[in-house]
Amino acid sequence: MRSQVRIATLSLASLALMTSVARAERKTTGFDPCDRVESACIAAGFNGGPGPKNLHEACIKPLAAGAAVPGVTVSRQTAAVCMRIEELQLMGTDETSPDACGSTIKACQAGGYHVSFRNRGNDLYADCMGPLLLGQQVSDVQVGSNLPGDCLREPEPAPVDLRVHGFSPCYRVQLACELAGEVGVPACTETIKAGKPFGKVKVDPAVGVACKKLTDLIQANLDDLGDTPCGKVVAACKSGGFFVGGSPQHKGMQFDCLTPILLGQIPSSVHLDAATAKACVESSVFRAPASGGR
């Protein structure tokens, strides 16, 4: 379920001790459509496990297609918006995508909405894309009247370049398992993090490997890596202007610098040789040797 995905995302962020970027409080005019749909499905007995009561396969997807689900009273539009948002997140659609969804995301970002902790009131998907796709107006967002509707009607988005900035590889893995009906199944996430495919899950195994590496780095403490290859990578990211808490400016340490490097692309502002980047990716030693001793 998305609640489990969010817990995992927040846990990863808390490991990095990400700091909030000061901003004014913002009121939203809408609600997260996936929260509404999932709450209704769960109340009717659906869950995240496999089988005939699977939350996505047996409840959300049929609702989005216009089918009635016994015991669930949610509009088709709300379910369809939920499915579209999850598809956009899974496929990595961002403001650079040359379609209506990309243009709508760009408008949300121009209005100050970003992928962030949801309790800030300016989350890209929960507080901007969700309400817009439901036909509501959103504060500070200037968007063409037809764009949100066109985004909702567009075919399923194609996967974009996996090395785009600003996405959490672990969130991508969790969401892919969820949409394939495998949420809550440890074998799904662990297999993908090992770089192997798993059933019907639509995610590049490279994203799983990046999730595992990024988690290892965070748990080792980014500021305690010393002269190891990964320590040099972190230092290069800092010199390139990336920092913990910089995601709203596309300067986040984890997702805008480390993640692209782990996926094989060095950001243009980072001065780092490919050999060092590769050594970090392949290294299992994240801590610097202790000083002193015998």
C-alpha atoms as a PDB file:
ATOM      1  CA  MET A   1       0.000   0.000   0.000  1.00  0.00           C
ATOM      2  CA  ARG A   2       1.102   3.605  -0.532  1.00  0.00           C
ATOM      3  CA  SER A   3       1.175   4.094   3.228  1.00  0.00           C
ATOM      4  CA  GLN A   4       3.919   1.469   3.402  1.00  0.00           C
ATOM      5  CA  VAL A   5       5.719   3.138   0.506  1.00  0.00           C
ATOM      6  CA  ARG A   6       5.604   6.483   2.244  1.00  0.00           C
ATOM      7  CA  ILE A   7       6.902   5.018   5.489  1.00  0.00           C
ATOM      8  CA  ALA A   8       9.816   3.512   3.587  1.00  0.00           C
ATOM      9  CA  THR A   9      10.489   6.840   1.861  1.00  0.00           C
ATOM     10  CA  LEU A  10      10.400   8.763   5.116  1.00  0.00           C
ATOM     11  CA  SER A  11      12.660   6.198   6.772  1.00  0.00           C
ATOM     12  CA  LEU A  12      15.241   6.621   4.015  1.00  0.00           C
ATOM     13  CA  ALA A  13      15.051  10.378   4.309  1.00  0.00           C
ATOM     14  CA  SER A  14      15.358  10.292   8.095  1.00  0.00           C
ATOM     15  CA  LEU A  15      18.532   8.236   7.796  1.00  0.00           C
ATOM     16  CA  ALA A  16      20.072  11.092   5.877  1.00  0.00           C
ATOM     17  CA  LEU A  17      18.799  13.633   8.398  1.00  0.00           C
ATOM     18  CA  MET A  18      17.401  15.741   5.600  1.00  0.00           C
ATOM     19  CA  THR A  19      16.671  19.302   6.662  1.00  0.00           C
ATOM     20  CA  SER A  20      13.582  21.264   5.709  1.00  0.00           C
ATOM     21  CA  VAL A  21      13.862  24.237   3.409  1.00  0.00           C
ATOM     22  CA  ALA A  22      12.170  27.221   5.021  1.00  0.00           C
ATOM     23  CA  ARG A  23       9.001  28.189   3.228  1.00  0.00           C
ATOM     24  CA  ALA A  24       5.635  29.739   3.999  1.00  0.00           C
ATOM     25  CA  GLU A  25       2.799  27.462   4.975  1.00  0.00           C
ATOM     26  CA  ARG A  26       0.522  26.684   2.064  1.00  0.00           C
ATOM     27  CA  LYS A  27      -3.095  25.604   2.019  1.00  0.00           C
ATOM     28  CA  THR A  28      -4.201  23.091  -0.561  1.00  0.00           C
ATOM     29  CA  THR A  29      -7.608  23.014  -2.176  1.00  0.00           C
ATOM     30  CA  GLY A  30      -7.656  19.283  -2.775  1.00  0.00           C
ATOM     31  CA  PHE A  31      -6.856  15.909  -1.326  1.00  0.00           C
ATOM     32  CA  ASP A  32      -4.655  13.014  -2.315  1.00  0.00           C
ATOM     33  CA  PRO A  33      -6.884  10.842  -4.542  1.00  0.00           C
ATOM     34  CA  CYS A  34      -4.869   7.727  -3.720  1.00  0.00           C
ATOM     35  CA  ASP A  35      -5.488   8.205  -0.012  1.00  0.00           C
ATOM     36  CA  ARG A  36      -9.222   8.380  -0.699  1.00  0.00           C
ATOM     37  CA  VAL A  37      -9.283   5.359  -3.006  1.00  0.00           C
ATOM     38  CA  GLU A  38      -7.073   3.172  -0.852  1.00  0.00           C
ATOM     39  CA  SER A  39      -8.990   3.984   2.318  1.00  0.00           C
ATOM     40  CA  ALA A  40     -12.227   2.938   0.626  1.00  0.00           C
ATOM     41  CA  CYS A  41     -10.696  -0.270  -0.744  1.00  0.00           C
ATOM     42  CA  ILE A  42      -9.122  -1.197   2.591  1.00  0.00           C
ATOM     43  CA  ALA A  43     -12.396  -0.572   4.391  1.00  0.00           C
ATOM     44  CA  ALA A  44     -13.990  -3.083   1.982  1.00  0.00           C
ATOM     45  CA  GLY A  45     -11.437  -5.762   2.892  1.00  0.00           C
ATOM     46  CA  PHE A  46      -8.781  -5.325   0.206  1.00  0.00           C
ATOM     47  CA  ASN A  47      -5.115  -5.412   1.145  1.00  0.00           C
ATOM     48  CA  GLY A  48      -1.590  -5.311  -0.229  1.00  0.00           C
ATOM     49  CA  GLY A  49      -1.062  -9.048  -0.407  1.00  0.00           C
ATOM     50  CA  PRO A  50      -1.406 -11.266  -3.484  1.00  0.00           C
ATOM     51  CA  GLY A  51      -4.688 -12.982  -4.331  1.00  0.00           C
ATOM     52  CA  PRO A  52      -8.297 -12.049  -5.063  1.00  0.00           C
ATOM     53  CA  LYS A  53      -8.352  -9.209  -2.512  1.00  0.00           C
ATOM     54  CA  ASN A  54      -5.231  -7.447  -3.822  1.00  0.00           C
ATOM     55  CA  LEU A  55      -5.593  -3.712  -3.373  1.00  0.00           C
ATOM     56  CA  HIS A  56      -4.478  -2.682  -6.861  1.00  0.00           C
ATOM     57  CA  GLU A  57      -5.413  -5.589  -9.074  1.00  0.00           C
ATOM     58  CA  ALA A  58      -8.853  -6.248  -7.579  1.00  0.00           C
ATOM     59  CA  CYS A  59      -9.929  -2.808  -6.422  1.00  0.00           C
ATOM     60  CA  ILE A  60      -8.105   0.286  -7.726  1.00  0.00           C
ATOM     61  CA  LYS A  61      -7.578  -0.852 -11.321  1.00  0.00           C
ATOM     62  CA  PRO A  62     -11.211  -1.992 -11.814  1.00  0.00           C
ATOM     63  CA  LEU A  63     -12.469   1.262 -10.297  1.00  0.00           C
ATOM     64  CA  ALA A  64     -10.252   3.292 -12.626  1.00  0.00           C
ATOM     65  CA  ALA A  65     -11.626   1.328 -15.585  1.00  0.00           C
ATOM     66  CA  GLY A  66     -15.195   2.187 -14.573  1.00  0.00           C
ATOM     67  CA  ALA A  67     -16.158  -1.160 -13.042  1.00  0.00           C
ATOM     68  CA  ALA A  68     -18.132  -1.424  -9.823  1.00  0.00           C
ATOM     69  CA  VAL A  69     -16.345  -2.968  -6.842  1.00  0.00           C
ATOM     70  CA  PRO A  70     -18.654  -4.331  -4.119  1.00  0.00           C
ATOM     71  CA  GLY A  71     -18.522  -2.291  -0.940  1.00  0.00           C
ATOM     72  CA  VAL A  72     -16.442   0.547  -2.445  1.00  0.00           C
ATOM     73  CA  THR A  73     -18.028   3.910  -3.174  1.00  0.00           C
ATOM     74  CA  VAL A  74     -15.394   6.005  -4.943  1.00  0.00           C
ATOM     75  CA  SER A  75     -15.822   7.802  -8.243  1.00  0.00           C
ATOM     76  CA  ARG A  76     -14.152   6.484 -11.358  1.00  0.00           C
ATOM     77  CA  GLN A  77     -12.444   9.849 -11.815  1.00  0.00           C
ATOM     78  CA  THR A  78     -10.793   9.712  -8.388  1.00  0.00           C
ATOM     79  CA  ALA A  79      -9.535   6.183  -9.044  1.00  0.00           C
ATOM     80  CA  ALA A  80      -8.313   7.136 -12.522  1.00  0.00           C
ATOM     81  CA  VAL A  81      -6.398  10.120 -11.138  1.00  0.00           C
ATOM     82  CA  CYS A  82      -4.794   7.889  -8.523  1.00  0.00           C
ATOM     83  CA  MET A  83      -3.676   5.410 -11.190  1.00  0.00           C
ATOM     84  CA  ARG A  84      -2.286   8.178 -13.394  1.00  0.00           C
ATOM     85  CA  ILE A  85      -0.287   9.712 -10.534  1.00  0.00           C
ATOM     86  CA  GLU A  86       1.208   6.342  -9.643  1.00  0.00           C
ATOM     87  CA  GLU A  87       2.096   5.733 -13.302  1.00  0.00           C
ATOM     88  CA  LEU A  88       3.817   9.121 -13.513  1.00  0.00           C
ATOM     89  CA  GLN A  89       5.827   8.401 -10.390  1.00  0.00           C
ATOM     90  CA  LEU A  90       6.765   4.913 -11.512  1.00  0.00           C
ATOM     91  CA  MET A  91       7.831   5.927 -15.019  1.00  0.00           C
ATOM     92  CA  GLY A  92       9.824   8.920 -13.830  1.00  0.00           C
ATOM     93  CA  THR A  93       7.780  11.504 -15.726  1.00  0.00           C
ATOM     94  CA  ASP A  94       9.073  14.982 -14.904  1.00  0.00           C
ATOM     95  CA  GLU A  95       8.915  18.549 -16.176  1.00  0.00           C
ATOM     96  CA  THR A  96      11.150  17.678 -19.132  1.00  0.00           C
ATOM     97  CA  SER A  97       8.638  15.211 -20.590  1.00  0.00           C
ATOM     98  CA  PRO A  98       7.263  16.617 -23.876  1.00  0.00           C
ATOM     99  CA  ASP A  99       3.609  15.936 -23.161  1.00  0.00           C
ATOM    100  CA  ALA A 100       0.659  17.321 -21.222  1.00  0.00           C
ATOM    101  CA  CYS A 101       1.687  15.600 -17.998  1.00  0.00           C
ATOM    102  CA  GLY A 102       5.207  17.016 -18.230  1.00  0.00           C
ATOM    103  CA  SER A 103       3.825  20.517 -18.824  1.00  0.00           C
ATOM    104  CA  THR A 104       1.431  20.173 -15.883  1.00  0.00           C
ATOM    105  CA  ILE A 105       4.254  19.039 -13.599  1.00  0.00           C
ATOM    106  CA  LYS A 106       6.331  22.010 -14.778  1.00  0.00           C
ATOM    107  CA  ALA A 107       3.498  24.383 -13.876  1.00  0.00           C
ATOM    108  CA  CYS A 108       3.247  22.823 -10.414  1.00  0.00           C
ATOM    109  CA  GLN A 109       6.978  23.240  -9.876  1.00  0.00           C
ATOM    110  CA  ALA A 110       6.833  26.863 -11.019  1.00  0.00           C
ATOM    111  CA  GLY A 111       4.173  27.402  -8.360  1.00  0.00           C
ATOM    112  CA  GLY A 112       6.473  26.052  -5.654  1.00  0.00           C
ATOM    113  CA  TYR A 113       5.319  22.421  -5.481  1.00  0.00           C
ATOM    114  CA  HIS A 114       7.956  19.698  -5.295  1.00  0.00           C
ATOM    115  CA  VAL A 115       8.381  16.053  -4.362  1.00  0.00           C
ATOM    116  CA  SER A 116       8.691  16.482  -0.624  1.00  0.00           C
ATOM    117  CA  PHE A 117       7.406  15.391   2.736  1.00  0.00           C
ATOM    118  CA  ARG A 118       3.652  15.514   2.490  1.00  0.00           C
ATOM    119  CA  ASN A 119       3.014  17.427   5.712  1.00  0.00           C
ATOM    120  CA  ARG A 120       4.601  20.552   4.217  1.00  0.00           C
ATOM    121  CA  GLY A 121       1.481  21.233   2.163  1.00  0.00           C
ATOM    122  CA  ASN A 122       3.334  21.663  -1.119  1.00  0.00           C
ATOM    123  CA  ASP A 123       3.849  18.100  -2.321  1.00  0.00           C
ATOM    124  CA  LEU A 124       4.006  17.861  -6.113  1.00  0.00           C
ATOM    125  CA  TYR A 125       1.574  14.960  -6.386  1.00  0.00           C
ATOM    126  CA  ALA A 126      -0.691  15.158  -3.331  1.00  0.00           C
ATOM    127  CA  ASP A 127      -1.161  18.929  -3.267  1.00  0.00           C
ATOM    128  CA  CYS A 128      -0.847  19.938  -6.921  1.00  0.00           C
ATOM    129  CA  MET A 129      -1.134  17.185  -9.531  1.00  0.00           C
ATOM    130  CA  GLY A 130      -3.958  15.389  -7.682  1.00  0.00           C
ATOM    131  CA  PRO A 131      -6.238  18.420  -7.369  1.00  0.00           C
ATOM    132  CA  LEU A 132      -5.451  19.624 -10.904  1.00  0.00           C
ATOM    133  CA  LEU A 133      -6.280  16.252 -12.465  1.00  0.00           C
ATOM    134  CA  LEU A 134      -9.520  16.264 -10.477  1.00  0.00           C
ATOM    135  CA  GLY A 135     -10.448  19.578 -12.120  1.00  0.00           C
ATOM    136  CA  GLN A 136      -9.677  21.848  -9.177  1.00  0.00           C
ATOM    137  CA  GLN A 137      -7.673  25.042  -9.087  1.00  0.00           C
ATOM    138  CA  VAL A 138      -4.419  25.120  -7.141  1.00  0.00           C
ATOM    139  CA  SER A 139      -2.938  28.164  -5.457  1.00  0.00           C
ATOM    140  CA  ASP A 140      -0.071  29.879  -7.314  1.00  0.00           C
ATOM    141  CA  VAL A 141      -0.235  27.494 -10.288  1.00  0.00           C
ATOM    142  CA  GLN A 142      -0.790  28.886 -13.769  1.00  0.00           C
ATOM    143  CA  VAL A 143      -1.676  26.034 -16.120  1.00  0.00           C
ATOM    144  CA  GLY A 144      -3.596  25.845 -19.393  1.00  0.00           C
ATOM    145  CA  SER A 145      -7.191  24.799 -18.874  1.00  0.00           C
ATOM    146  CA  ASN A 146      -6.833  21.753 -21.130  1.00  0.00           C
ATOM    147  CA  LEU A 147      -3.484  20.433 -19.860  1.00  0.00           C
ATOM    148  CA  PRO A 148      -4.639  18.512 -16.753  1.00  0.00           C
ATOM    149  CA  GLY A 149      -7.434  16.821 -18.679  1.00  0.00           C
ATOM    150  CA  ASP A 150      -5.079  15.937 -21.530  1.00  0.00           C
ATOM    151  CA  CYS A 151      -2.625  14.501 -19.008  1.00  0.00           C
ATOM    152  CA  LEU A 152      -5.342  12.298 -17.560  1.00  0.00           C
ATOM    153  CA  ARG A 153      -6.369  11.060 -21.010  1.00  0.00           C
ATOM    154  CA  GLU A 154      -2.876  10.390 -22.373  1.00  0.00           C
ATOM    155  CA  PRO A 155      -1.742   6.768 -22.816  1.00  0.00           C
ATOM    156  CA  GLU A 156       0.323   5.181 -20.069  1.00  0.00           C
ATOM    157  CA  PRO A 157       3.568   7.157 -19.960  1.00  0.00           C
ATOM    158  CA  ALA A 158       6.687   5.504 -21.301  1.00  0.00           C
ATOM    159  CA  PRO A 159       9.670   5.136 -18.978  1.00  0.00           C
ATOM    160  CA  VAL A 160      12.002   8.102 -19.201  1.00  0.00           C
ATOM    161  CA  ASP A 161      15.776   8.181 -18.828  1.00  0.00           C
ATOM    162  CA  LEU A 162      16.555   6.504 -15.515  1.00  0.00           C
ATOM    163  CA  ARG A 163      19.290   9.039 -14.857  1.00  0.00           C
ATOM    164  CA  VAL A 164      16.962  12.023 -14.558  1.00  0.00           C
ATOM    165  CA  HIS A 165      17.394  14.099 -11.442  1.00  0.00           C
ATOM    166  CA  GLY A 166      15.310  14.073  -8.335  1.00  0.00           C
ATOM    167  CA  PHE A 167      13.768  10.660  -7.838  1.00  0.00           C
ATOM    168  CA  SER A 168      14.244   8.181  -5.032  1.00  0.00           C
ATOM    169  CA  PRO A 169      15.308   4.790  -6.400  1.00  0.00           C
ATOM    170  CA  CYS A 170      13.932   3.057  -3.298  1.00  0.00           C
ATOM    171  CA  TYR A 171      10.564   4.728  -3.740  1.00  0.00           C
ATOM    172  CA  ARG A 172      10.587   3.629  -7.381  1.00  0.00           C
ATOM    173  CA  VAL A 173      11.235   0.005  -6.323  1.00  0.00           C
ATOM    174  CA  GLN A 174       8.510   0.059  -3.660  1.00  0.00           C
ATOM    175  CA  LEU A 175       5.974   1.573  -6.040  1.00  0.00           C
ATOM    176  CA  ALA A 176       6.803  -0.900  -8.811  1.00  0.00           C
ATOM    177  CA  CYS A 177       6.251  -3.822  -6.438  1.00  0.00           C
ATOM    178  CA  GLU A 178       3.003  -2.257  -5.289  1.00  0.00           C
ATOM    179  CA  LEU A 179       1.600  -1.766  -8.778  1.00  0.00           C
ATOM    180  CA  ALA A 180       2.472  -5.361  -9.647  1.00  0.00           C
ATOM    181  CA  GLY A 181       0.506  -6.601  -6.618  1.00  0.00           C
ATOM    182  CA  GLU A 182       3.640  -7.517  -4.703  1.00  0.00           C
ATOM    183  CA  VAL A 183       3.622  -4.825  -2.024  1.00  0.00           C
ATOM    184  CA  GLY A 184       4.527  -6.219   1.382  1.00  0.00           C
ATOM    185  CA  VAL A 185       6.340  -9.143  -0.223  1.00  0.00           C
ATOM    186  CA  PRO A 186      10.002  -8.845   0.898  1.00  0.00           C
ATOM    187  CA  ALA A 187      11.163 -11.100  -1.946  1.00  0.00           C
ATOM    188  CA  CYS A 188      10.077  -8.442  -4.455  1.00  0.00           C
ATOM    189  CA  THR A 189      12.111  -5.524  -3.140  1.00  0.00           C
ATOM    190  CA  GLU A 190      15.081  -7.644  -2.111  1.00  0.00           C
ATOM    191  CA  THR A 191      15.296  -9.369  -5.502  1.00  0.00           C
ATOM    192  CA  ILE A 192      15.144  -6.067  -7.382  1.00  0.00           C
ATOM    193  CA  LYS A 193      17.720  -4.482  -5.061  1.00  0.00           C
ATOM    194  CA  ALA A 194      20.004  -7.382  -5.970  1.00  0.00           C
ATOM    195  CA  GLY A 195      19.721  -6.326  -9.628  1.00  0.00           C
ATOM    196  CA  LYS A 196      17.419  -9.129 -10.742  1.00  0.00           C
ATOM    197  CA  PRO A 197      13.952  -9.013 -12.360  1.00  0.00           C
ATOM    198  CA  PHE A 198      10.935 -10.100 -10.355  1.00  0.00           C
ATOM    199  CA  GLY A 199       7.721 -11.373 -11.953  1.00  0.00           C
ATOM    200  CA  LYS A 200       5.620  -8.663 -13.612  1.00  0.00           C
ATOM    201  CA  VAL A 201       7.342  -5.798 -11.826  1.00  0.00           C
ATOM    202  CA  LYS A 202       8.136  -2.937 -14.237  1.00  0.00           C
ATOM    203  CA  VAL A 203      11.375  -1.396 -13.044  1.00  0.00           C
ATOM    204  CA  ASP A 204      14.910  -1.478 -14.366  1.00  0.00           C
ATOM    205  CA  PRO A 205      17.080  -3.681 -12.094  1.00  0.00           C
ATOM    206  CA  ALA A 206      19.663  -0.866 -12.156  1.00  0.00           C
ATOM    207  CA  VAL A 207      17.262   1.211 -10.056  1.00  0.00           C
ATOM    208  CA  GLY A 208      17.153  -1.576  -7.479  1.00  0.00           C
ATOM    209  CA  VAL A 209      20.942  -1.692  -7.280  1.00  0.00           C
ATOM    210  CA  ALA A 210      21.029   2.088  -6.878  1.00  0.00           C
ATOM    211  CA  CYS A 211      18.528   1.807  -4.020  1.00  0.00           C
ATOM    212  CA  LYS A 212      20.728  -0.718  -2.210  1.00  0.00           C
ATOM    213  CA  LYS A 213      23.889   1.331  -2.706  1.00  0.00           C
ATOM    214  CA  LEU A 214      22.254   4.591  -1.652  1.00  0.00           C
ATOM    215  CA  THR A 215      20.839   3.010   1.496  1.00  0.00           C
ATOM    216  CA  ASP A 216      24.266   1.591   2.374  1.00  0.00           C
ATOM    217  CA  LEU A 217      25.875   4.999   1.938  1.00  0.00           C
ATOM    218  CA  ILE A 218      23.301   6.745   4.111  1.00  0.00           C
ATOM    219  CA  GLN A 219      23.571   4.153   6.844  1.00  0.00           C
ATOM    220  CA  ALA A 220      27.356   4.582   6.817  1.00  0.00           C
ATOM    221  CA  ASN A 221      26.891   8.383   7.247  1.00  0.00           C
ATOM    222  CA  LEU A 222      27.681  10.537   4.238  1.00  0.00           C
ATOM    223  CA  ASP A 223      30.020  12.734   6.297  1.00  0.00           C
ATOM    224  CA  ASP A 224      32.043   9.783   7.591  1.00  0.00           C
ATOM    225  CA  LEU A 225      33.299   8.246   4.355  1.00  0.00           C
ATOM    226  CA  GLY A 226      36.772   9.752   4.419  1.00  0.00           C
ATOM    227  CA  ASP A 227      39.078   9.067   1.476  1.00  0.00           C
ATOM    228  CA  THR A 228      37.152   6.027   0.217  1.00  0.00           C
ATOM    229  CA  PRO A 229      35.886   6.124  -3.387  1.00  0.00           C
ATOM    230  CA  CYS A 230      32.395   6.954  -2.151  1.00  0.00           C
ATOM    231  CA  GLY A 231      33.830   9.615   0.151  1.00  0.00           C
ATOM    232  CA  LYS A 232      35.402  11.232  -2.906  1.00  0.00           C
ATOM    233  CA  VAL A 233      32.040  11.052  -4.695  1.00  0.00           C
ATOM    234  CA  VAL A 234      30.261  12.807  -1.812  1.00  0.00           C
ATOM    235  CA  ALA A 235      32.996  15.456  -1.693  1.00  0.00           C
ATOM    236  CA  ALA A 236      32.638  16.037  -5.431  1.00  0.00           C
ATOM    237  CA  CYS A 237      28.865  16.405  -5.064  1.00  0.00           C
ATOM    238  CA  LYS A 238      29.339  18.992  -2.307  1.00  0.00           C
ATOM    239  CA  SER A 239      31.836  20.914  -4.434  1.00  0.00           C
ATOM    240  CA  GLY A 240      29.293  20.830  -7.266  1.00  0.00           C
ATOM    241  CA  GLY A 241      26.725  22.620  -5.094  1.00  0.00           C
ATOM    242  CA  PHE A 242      24.667  19.639  -3.926  1.00  0.00           C
ATOM    243  CA  PHE A 243      23.599  19.373  -0.303  1.00  0.00           C
ATOM    244  CA  VAL A 244      21.224  17.543   2.018  1.00  0.00           C
ATOM    245  CA  GLY A 245      17.892  19.377   1.814  1.00  0.00           C
ATOM    246  CA  GLY A 246      18.555  20.823  -1.649  1.00  0.00           C
ATOM    247  CA  SER A 247      15.900  18.864  -3.548  1.00  0.00           C
ATOM    248  CA  PRO A 248      13.535  21.815  -4.152  1.00  0.00           C
ATOM    249  CA  GLN A 249      16.357  23.493  -6.090  1.00  0.00           C
ATOM    250  CA  HIS A 250      17.309  20.221  -7.833  1.00  0.00           C
ATOM    251  CA  LYS A 251      20.470  20.270  -5.710  1.00  0.00           C
ATOM    252  CA  GLY A 252      19.669  17.424  -3.322  1.00  0.00           C
ATOM    253  CA  MET A 253      22.643  15.303  -2.287  1.00  0.00           C
ATOM    254  CA  GLN A 254      20.831  11.955  -2.430  1.00  0.00           C
ATOM    255  CA  PHE A 255      18.549  12.113  -5.415  1.00  0.00           C
ATOM    256  CA  ASP A 256      20.073  14.814  -7.633  1.00  0.00           C
ATOM    257  CA  CYS A 257      23.746  13.848  -7.339  1.00  0.00           C
ATOM    258  CA  LEU A 258      24.384  10.437  -5.758  1.00  0.00           C
ATOM    259  CA  THR A 259      21.535   8.659  -7.536  1.00  0.00           C
ATOM    260  CA  PRO A 260      22.559   9.719 -11.089  1.00  0.00           C
ATOM    261  CA  ILE A 261      26.160   8.738 -10.316  1.00  0.00           C
ATOM    262  CA  LEU A 262      25.043   5.335  -9.034  1.00  0.00           C
ATOM    263  CA  LEU A 263      23.114   4.940 -12.302  1.00  0.00           C
ATOM    264  CA  GLY A 264      26.153   5.794 -14.406  1.00  0.00           C
ATOM    265  CA  GLN A 265      25.837   9.511 -15.140  1.00  0.00           C
ATOM    266  CA  ILE A 266      27.846  12.263 -13.457  1.00  0.00           C
ATOM    267  CA  PRO A 267      25.971  15.594 -13.162  1.00  0.00           C
ATOM    268  CA  SER A 268      27.512  18.325 -15.286  1.00  0.00           C
ATOM    269  CA  SER A 269      28.461  20.500 -12.305  1.00  0.00           C
ATOM    270  CA  VAL A 270      30.304  17.660 -10.553  1.00  0.00           C
ATOM    271  CA  HIS A 271      33.997  17.249 -11.293  1.00  0.00           C
ATOM    272  CA  LEU A 272      34.571  13.527 -10.848  1.00  0.00           C
ATOM    273  CA  ASP A 273      36.407  10.999 -12.966  1.00  0.00           C
ATOM    274  CA  ALA A 274      34.489   7.977 -14.179  1.00  0.00           C
ATOM    275  CA  ALA A 275      36.931   5.552 -12.547  1.00  0.00           C
ATOM    276  CA  THR A 276      36.229   6.938  -9.062  1.00  0.00           C
ATOM    277  CA  ALA A 277      32.489   6.865  -9.662  1.00  0.00           C
ATOM    278  CA  LYS A 278      32.689   3.250 -10.829  1.00  0.00           C
ATOM    279  CA  ALA A 279      34.862   2.315  -7.832  1.00  0.00           C
ATOM    280  CA  CYS A 280      32.217   3.717  -5.498  1.00  0.00           C
ATOM    281  CA  VAL A 281      29.436   1.797  -7.238  1.00  0.00           C
ATOM    282  CA  GLU A 282      31.398  -1.449  -7.017  1.00  0.00           C
ATOM    283  CA  SER A 283      32.762  -0.900  -3.507  1.00  0.00           C
ATOM    284  CA  SER A 284      31.403  -2.638  -0.431  1.00  0.00           C
ATOM    285  CA  VAL A 285      33.586  -0.536   1.902  1.00  0.00           C
ATOM    286  CA  PHE A 286      31.863   2.701   2.839  1.00  0.00           C
ATOM    287  CA  ARG A 287      33.615   3.798   6.017  1.00  0.00           C
ATOM    288  CA  ALA A 288      37.051   5.326   6.129  1.00  0.00           C
ATOM    289  CA  PRO A 289      39.658   3.291   8.062  1.00  0.00           C
ATOM    290  CA  ALA A 290      39.846   4.297  11.709  1.00  0.00           C
ATOM    291  CA  SER A 291      42.822   6.548  12.447  1.00  0.00           C
ATOM    292  CA  GLY A 292      45.478   5.569  14.991  1.00  0.00           C
ATOM    293  CA  GLY A 293      45.633   2.102  16.499  1.00  0.00           C
ATOM    294  CA  ARG A 294      48.338  -0.462  16.145  1.00  0.00           C
END
